[in-house]
Amino acid sequence: MNHTKAILSTHPETERTTRWRKEISSTSSWVPNESLPPGHNETWPVWRTLNRFRTGIGRTKDNLIKWGLLDSADTLCLCGEEQTMLHIIKCTACSQTCTPEDIQKGTNQGINVARIWAETI
């Protein structure tokens, strides 16, 4: 390995920036998408709920028991099925249902379901 020091013709900060710009211009496909997911313009409770649905981590009974926050071993929803994040978006006891794709895309249907569950999960 060659351990000789390179002599810079510019200030190190300028050199670093120049090299960085050169690198990203040749490989622009790695630049991350920094836009927020659909639904970001909703109220905070709805936005939070959409993200909880998207990640599968919310205050459903199955999670509350895992986290030691629910004393009861009852993980059943009002409809009689186990209350999970995936279940509640399609629960027949709810006035609105949607698909996981509706949640990901932030469709009107997905946002309506998030509104219903916003204060619960």
C-alpha atoms as a PDB file:
ATOM      1  CA  MET A   1       0.000   0.000   0.000  1.00  0.00           C
ATOM      2  CA  ASN A   2       1.326   3.414  -0.922  1.00  0.00           C
ATOM      3  CA  HIS A   3       1.342   5.733   2.093  1.00  0.00           C
ATOM      4  CA  THR A   4       2.654   8.826   0.368  1.00  0.00           C
ATOM      5  CA  LYS A   5       0.806  12.030   1.064  1.00  0.00           C
ATOM      6  CA  ALA A   6      -1.002  13.709  -1.791  1.00  0.00           C
ATOM      7  CA  ILE A   7      -0.269  17.364  -2.230  1.00  0.00           C
ATOM      8  CA  LEU A   8      -3.431  19.370  -2.557  1.00  0.00           C
ATOM      9  CA  SER A   9      -3.564  22.430  -4.714  1.00  0.00           C
ATOM     10  CA  THR A  10      -6.665  23.696  -2.890  1.00  0.00           C
ATOM     11  CA  HIS A  11      -7.923  23.872   0.666  1.00  0.00           C
ATOM     12  CA  PRO A  12      -8.883  20.403   1.999  1.00  0.00           C
ATOM     13  CA  GLU A  13     -12.554  21.401   2.407  1.00  0.00           C
ATOM     14  CA  THR A  14     -12.705  22.611  -1.205  1.00  0.00           C
ATOM     15  CA  GLU A  15     -10.976  19.450  -2.416  1.00  0.00           C
ATOM     16  CA  ARG A  16     -13.385  17.231  -0.482  1.00  0.00           C
ATOM     17  CA  THR A  17     -16.415  19.072  -1.879  1.00  0.00           C
ATOM     18  CA  THR A  18     -15.054  18.922  -5.429  1.00  0.00           C
ATOM     19  CA  ARG A  19     -14.394  15.188  -5.178  1.00  0.00           C
ATOM     20  CA  TRP A  20     -17.833  14.577  -3.640  1.00  0.00           C
ATOM     21  CA  ARG A  21     -19.615  16.496  -6.433  1.00  0.00           C
ATOM     22  CA  LYS A  22     -17.629  14.639  -9.081  1.00  0.00           C
ATOM     23  CA  GLU A  23     -18.549  11.307  -7.497  1.00  0.00           C
ATOM     24  CA  ILE A  24     -22.285  11.985  -7.216  1.00  0.00           C
ATOM     25  CA  SER A  25     -22.504  13.340 -10.748  1.00  0.00           C
ATOM     26  CA  SER A  26     -21.199  10.021 -12.083  1.00  0.00           C
ATOM     27  CA  THR A  27     -23.374   7.854  -9.821  1.00  0.00           C
ATOM     28  CA  SER A  28     -26.550   9.875  -9.305  1.00  0.00           C
ATOM     29  CA  SER A  29     -28.706   6.752  -8.854  1.00  0.00           C
ATOM     30  CA  TRP A  30     -27.649   6.414  -5.199  1.00  0.00           C
ATOM     31  CA  VAL A  31     -29.061   9.787  -4.137  1.00  0.00           C
ATOM     32  CA  PRO A  32     -31.943   9.001  -1.750  1.00  0.00           C
ATOM     33  CA  ASN A  33     -35.516  10.110  -2.292  1.00  0.00           C
ATOM     34  CA  GLU A  34     -36.181  12.677   0.387  1.00  0.00           C
ATOM     35  CA  SER A  35     -39.889  13.185  -0.194  1.00  0.00           C
ATOM     36  CA  LEU A  36     -42.386  12.273   2.491  1.00  0.00           C
ATOM     37  CA  PRO A  37     -44.789   9.376   1.934  1.00  0.00           C
ATOM     38  CA  PRO A  38     -48.375  10.068   0.836  1.00  0.00           C
ATOM     39  CA  GLY A  39     -50.587  11.425   3.600  1.00  0.00           C
ATOM     40  CA  HIS A  40     -47.952  13.728   5.090  1.00  0.00           C
ATOM     41  CA  ASN A  41     -50.348  16.658   4.716  1.00  0.00           C
ATOM     42  CA  GLU A  42     -52.925  15.086   7.050  1.00  0.00           C
ATOM     43  CA  THR A  43     -53.318  16.021  10.716  1.00  0.00           C
ATOM     44  CA  TRP A  44     -50.682  14.659  13.082  1.00  0.00           C
ATOM     45  CA  PRO A  45     -52.903  11.842  14.521  1.00  0.00           C
ATOM     46  CA  VAL A  46     -53.796  10.584  11.019  1.00  0.00           C
ATOM     47  CA  TRP A  47     -50.199  10.897   9.753  1.00  0.00           C
ATOM     48  CA  ARG A  48     -48.915   9.030  12.817  1.00  0.00           C
ATOM     49  CA  THR A  49     -51.512   6.302  12.334  1.00  0.00           C
ATOM     50  CA  LEU A  50     -50.650   5.876   8.641  1.00  0.00           C
ATOM     51  CA  ASN A  51     -47.017   5.397   9.620  1.00  0.00           C
ATOM     52  CA  ARG A  52     -47.936   2.948  12.349  1.00  0.00           C
ATOM     53  CA  PHE A  53     -49.906   0.961   9.784  1.00  0.00           C
ATOM     54  CA  ARG A  54     -46.992   1.139   7.349  1.00  0.00           C
ATOM     55  CA  THR A  55     -44.526  -0.205   9.892  1.00  0.00           C
ATOM     56  CA  GLY A  56     -46.905  -2.644  11.592  1.00  0.00           C
ATOM     57  CA  ILE A  57     -46.107  -1.157  14.997  1.00  0.00           C
ATOM     58  CA  GLY A  58     -49.079   0.330  16.800  1.00  0.00           C
ATOM     59  CA  ARG A  59     -51.105  -0.034  19.971  1.00  0.00           C
ATOM     60  CA  THR A  60     -53.097  -3.083  18.921  1.00  0.00           C
ATOM     61  CA  LYS A  61     -53.899  -5.667  21.561  1.00  0.00           C
ATOM     62  CA  ASP A  62     -51.350  -8.173  20.285  1.00  0.00           C
ATOM     63  CA  ASN A  63     -48.570  -5.579  20.553  1.00  0.00           C
ATOM     64  CA  LEU A  64     -49.732  -4.247  23.929  1.00  0.00           C
ATOM     65  CA  ILE A  65     -49.448  -7.743  25.377  1.00  0.00           C
ATOM     66  CA  LYS A  66     -45.958  -8.221  23.853  1.00  0.00           C
ATOM     67  CA  TRP A  67     -44.885  -4.917  25.390  1.00  0.00           C
ATOM     68  CA  GLY A  68     -46.354  -5.798  28.821  1.00  0.00           C
ATOM     69  CA  LEU A  69     -48.850  -2.929  28.680  1.00  0.00           C
ATOM     70  CA  LEU A  70     -52.055  -4.960  28.727  1.00  0.00           C
ATOM     71  CA  ASP A  71     -52.921  -7.049  31.775  1.00  0.00           C
ATOM     72  CA  SER A  72     -55.507  -9.158  30.029  1.00  0.00           C
ATOM     73  CA  ALA A  73     -54.568 -12.016  27.727  1.00  0.00           C
ATOM     74  CA  ASP A  74     -57.532 -11.022  25.563  1.00  0.00           C
ATOM     75  CA  THR A  75     -56.158 -10.072  22.152  1.00  0.00           C
ATOM     76  CA  LEU A  76     -59.512 -10.268  20.403  1.00  0.00           C
ATOM     77  CA  CYS A  77     -60.993  -7.440  18.381  1.00  0.00           C
ATOM     78  CA  LEU A  78     -64.688  -6.514  18.599  1.00  0.00           C
ATOM     79  CA  CYS A  79     -65.319  -8.837  15.648  1.00  0.00           C
ATOM     80  CA  GLY A  80     -63.808 -11.814  17.505  1.00  0.00           C
ATOM     81  CA  GLU A  81     -60.542 -12.125  15.554  1.00  0.00           C
ATOM     82  CA  GLU A  82     -57.090 -11.387  16.948  1.00  0.00           C
ATOM     83  CA  GLN A  83     -56.465  -7.639  16.899  1.00  0.00           C
ATOM     84  CA  THR A  84     -53.293  -7.045  14.890  1.00  0.00           C
ATOM     85  CA  MET A  85     -52.193  -4.117  12.751  1.00  0.00           C
ATOM     86  CA  LEU A  86     -52.970  -6.045   9.584  1.00  0.00           C
ATOM     87  CA  HIS A  87     -56.367  -7.149  10.897  1.00  0.00           C
ATOM     88  CA  ILE A  88     -57.728  -3.753  11.909  1.00  0.00           C
ATOM     89  CA  ILE A  89     -57.433  -2.234   8.420  1.00  0.00           C
ATOM     90  CA  LYS A  90     -59.849  -4.880   7.152  1.00  0.00           C
ATOM     91  CA  CYS A  91     -61.914  -5.531  10.288  1.00  0.00           C
ATOM     92  CA  THR A  92     -65.570  -6.171   9.454  1.00  0.00           C
ATOM     93  CA  ALA A  93     -66.667  -4.429  12.677  1.00  0.00           C
ATOM     94  CA  CYS A  94     -65.218  -1.151  11.371  1.00  0.00           C
ATOM     95  CA  SER A  95     -67.240   1.186   9.151  1.00  0.00           C
ATOM     96  CA  GLN A  96     -64.364   1.449   6.635  1.00  0.00           C
ATOM     97  CA  THR A  97     -61.765  -1.029   5.439  1.00  0.00           C
ATOM     98  CA  CYS A  98     -58.761  -0.850   3.139  1.00  0.00           C
ATOM     99  CA  THR A  99     -55.815  -2.837   1.860  1.00  0.00           C
ATOM    100  CA  PRO A 100     -52.153  -2.546   2.855  1.00  0.00           C
ATOM    101  CA  GLU A 101     -51.596  -0.985  -0.574  1.00  0.00           C
ATOM    102  CA  ASP A 102     -54.153   1.745   0.277  1.00  0.00           C
ATOM    103  CA  ILE A 103     -52.099   2.535   3.376  1.00  0.00           C
ATOM    104  CA  GLN A 104     -48.783   2.588   1.490  1.00  0.00           C
ATOM    105  CA  LYS A 105     -50.165   4.799  -1.281  1.00  0.00           C
ATOM    106  CA  GLY A 106     -52.143   7.032   1.077  1.00  0.00           C
ATOM    107  CA  THR A 107     -55.372   6.606  -0.875  1.00  0.00           C
ATOM    108  CA  ASN A 108     -58.605   8.176   0.360  1.00  0.00           C
ATOM    109  CA  GLN A 109     -59.700   4.761   1.613  1.00  0.00           C
ATOM    110  CA  GLY A 110     -56.442   4.260   3.546  1.00  0.00           C
ATOM    111  CA  ILE A 111     -56.604   7.751   5.020  1.00  0.00           C
ATOM    112  CA  ASN A 112     -60.235   7.216   6.075  1.00  0.00           C
ATOM    113  CA  VAL A 113     -59.276   4.032   7.931  1.00  0.00           C
ATOM    114  CA  ALA A 114     -56.358   5.855   9.568  1.00  0.00           C
ATOM    115  CA  ARG A 115     -58.785   8.577  10.710  1.00  0.00           C
ATOM    116  CA  ILE A 116     -61.034   5.984  12.342  1.00  0.00           C
ATOM    117  CA  TRP A 117     -58.145   4.355  14.267  1.00  0.00           C
ATOM    118  CA  ALA A 118     -56.136   7.537  14.942  1.00  0.00           C
ATOM    119  CA  GLU A 119     -57.111   7.821  18.588  1.00  0.00           C
ATOM    120  CA  THR A 120     -56.943   4.086  19.272  1.00  0.00           C
ATOM    121  CA  ILE A 121     -53.662   2.853  17.900  1.00  0.00           C
END
